[in-house]
């Protein structure tokens, strides 16, 4: 069964990463996108899941705002 595109974050899509960065008032730079991919990877490992929902990555960004420009 395919994943719902609306529910899960696609870390391979710059526009999705930029959406989350913009939402939190952060620069939509390559460095910030790379940091977001790293943060997502760490969170997936921590939670033991293959995919993250938008709400899950937003909560993690909020806890780690200082990592982004």
Protein backbone atom coordinates (compact mmCIF):
# COMPACT_ATOMS: atom_id res chain seq x y z
CA UNK A 1 0.00 0.00 0.00
CA UNK A 2 1.51 3.38 -1.00
CA UNK A 3 2.20 6.00 1.63
CA UNK A 4 -0.03 9.05 1.77
CA UNK A 5 1.96 11.94 0.34
CA UNK A 6 0.12 14.35 2.61
CA UNK A 7 0.91 12.53 5.85
CA UNK A 8 4.61 11.69 5.55
CA UNK A 9 7.71 13.80 4.91
CA UNK A 10 9.68 13.09 1.75
CA UNK A 11 13.25 13.94 2.71
CA UNK A 12 14.36 13.61 -0.92
CA UNK A 13 12.18 16.55 -2.01
CA UNK A 14 13.73 19.99 -1.51
CA UNK A 15 10.32 21.68 -1.64
CA UNK A 16 9.12 19.63 1.34
CA UNK A 17 12.24 20.41 3.33
CA UNK A 18 11.94 24.09 2.40
CA UNK A 19 8.30 24.05 3.54
CA UNK A 20 9.31 22.94 7.03
CA UNK A 21 12.22 25.38 7.22
CA UNK A 22 10.03 28.29 6.11
CA UNK A 23 7.33 27.25 8.57
CA UNK A 24 9.83 27.72 11.40
CA UNK A 25 11.31 30.96 10.02
CA UNK A 26 14.59 29.35 8.98
CA UNK A 27 16.61 29.92 5.81
CA UNK A 28 15.85 27.57 2.94
CA UNK A 29 19.54 26.85 2.35
CA UNK A 30 21.32 23.65 1.35
CA UNK A 31 23.02 23.57 4.76
CA UNK A 32 19.66 23.75 6.53
CA UNK A 33 18.12 21.11 4.26
CA UNK A 34 21.10 18.83 4.94
CA UNK A 35 20.68 19.41 8.69
CA UNK A 36 16.98 18.61 8.42
CA UNK A 37 17.70 15.35 6.58
CA UNK A 38 20.19 14.42 9.31
CA UNK A 39 17.70 15.30 12.04
CA UNK A 40 15.02 13.23 10.31
CA UNK A 41 17.33 10.26 9.95
CA UNK A 42 18.23 10.38 13.64
CA UNK A 43 14.57 10.66 14.64
CA UNK A 44 13.54 7.71 12.44
CA UNK A 45 16.26 5.61 14.07
CA UNK A 46 15.24 6.74 17.56
CA UNK A 47 11.56 5.94 16.92
CA UNK A 48 12.29 2.74 15.01
CA UNK A 49 10.28 3.81 11.96
CA UNK A 50 10.96 4.09 8.23
CA UNK A 51 8.87 7.21 7.62
CA UNK A 52 8.08 10.35 9.61
CA UNK A 53 4.85 12.26 9.70
CA UNK A 54 4.94 16.04 9.26
CA UNK A 55 3.86 16.49 12.89
CA UNK A 56 6.77 14.35 14.11
CA UNK A 57 9.44 16.30 12.24
CA UNK A 58 7.86 19.63 13.24
CA UNK A 59 8.08 18.66 16.91
CA UNK A 60 11.73 17.68 16.45
CA UNK A 61 12.56 20.92 14.60
CA UNK A 62 10.96 22.90 17.42
CA UNK A 63 13.24 21.15 19.94
CA UNK A 64 16.32 21.83 17.79
CA UNK A 65 15.78 25.31 16.33
CA UNK A 66 19.33 26.33 17.24
CA UNK A 67 20.70 23.83 14.69
CA UNK A 68 19.33 25.92 11.81
CA UNK A 69 20.20 29.34 10.40
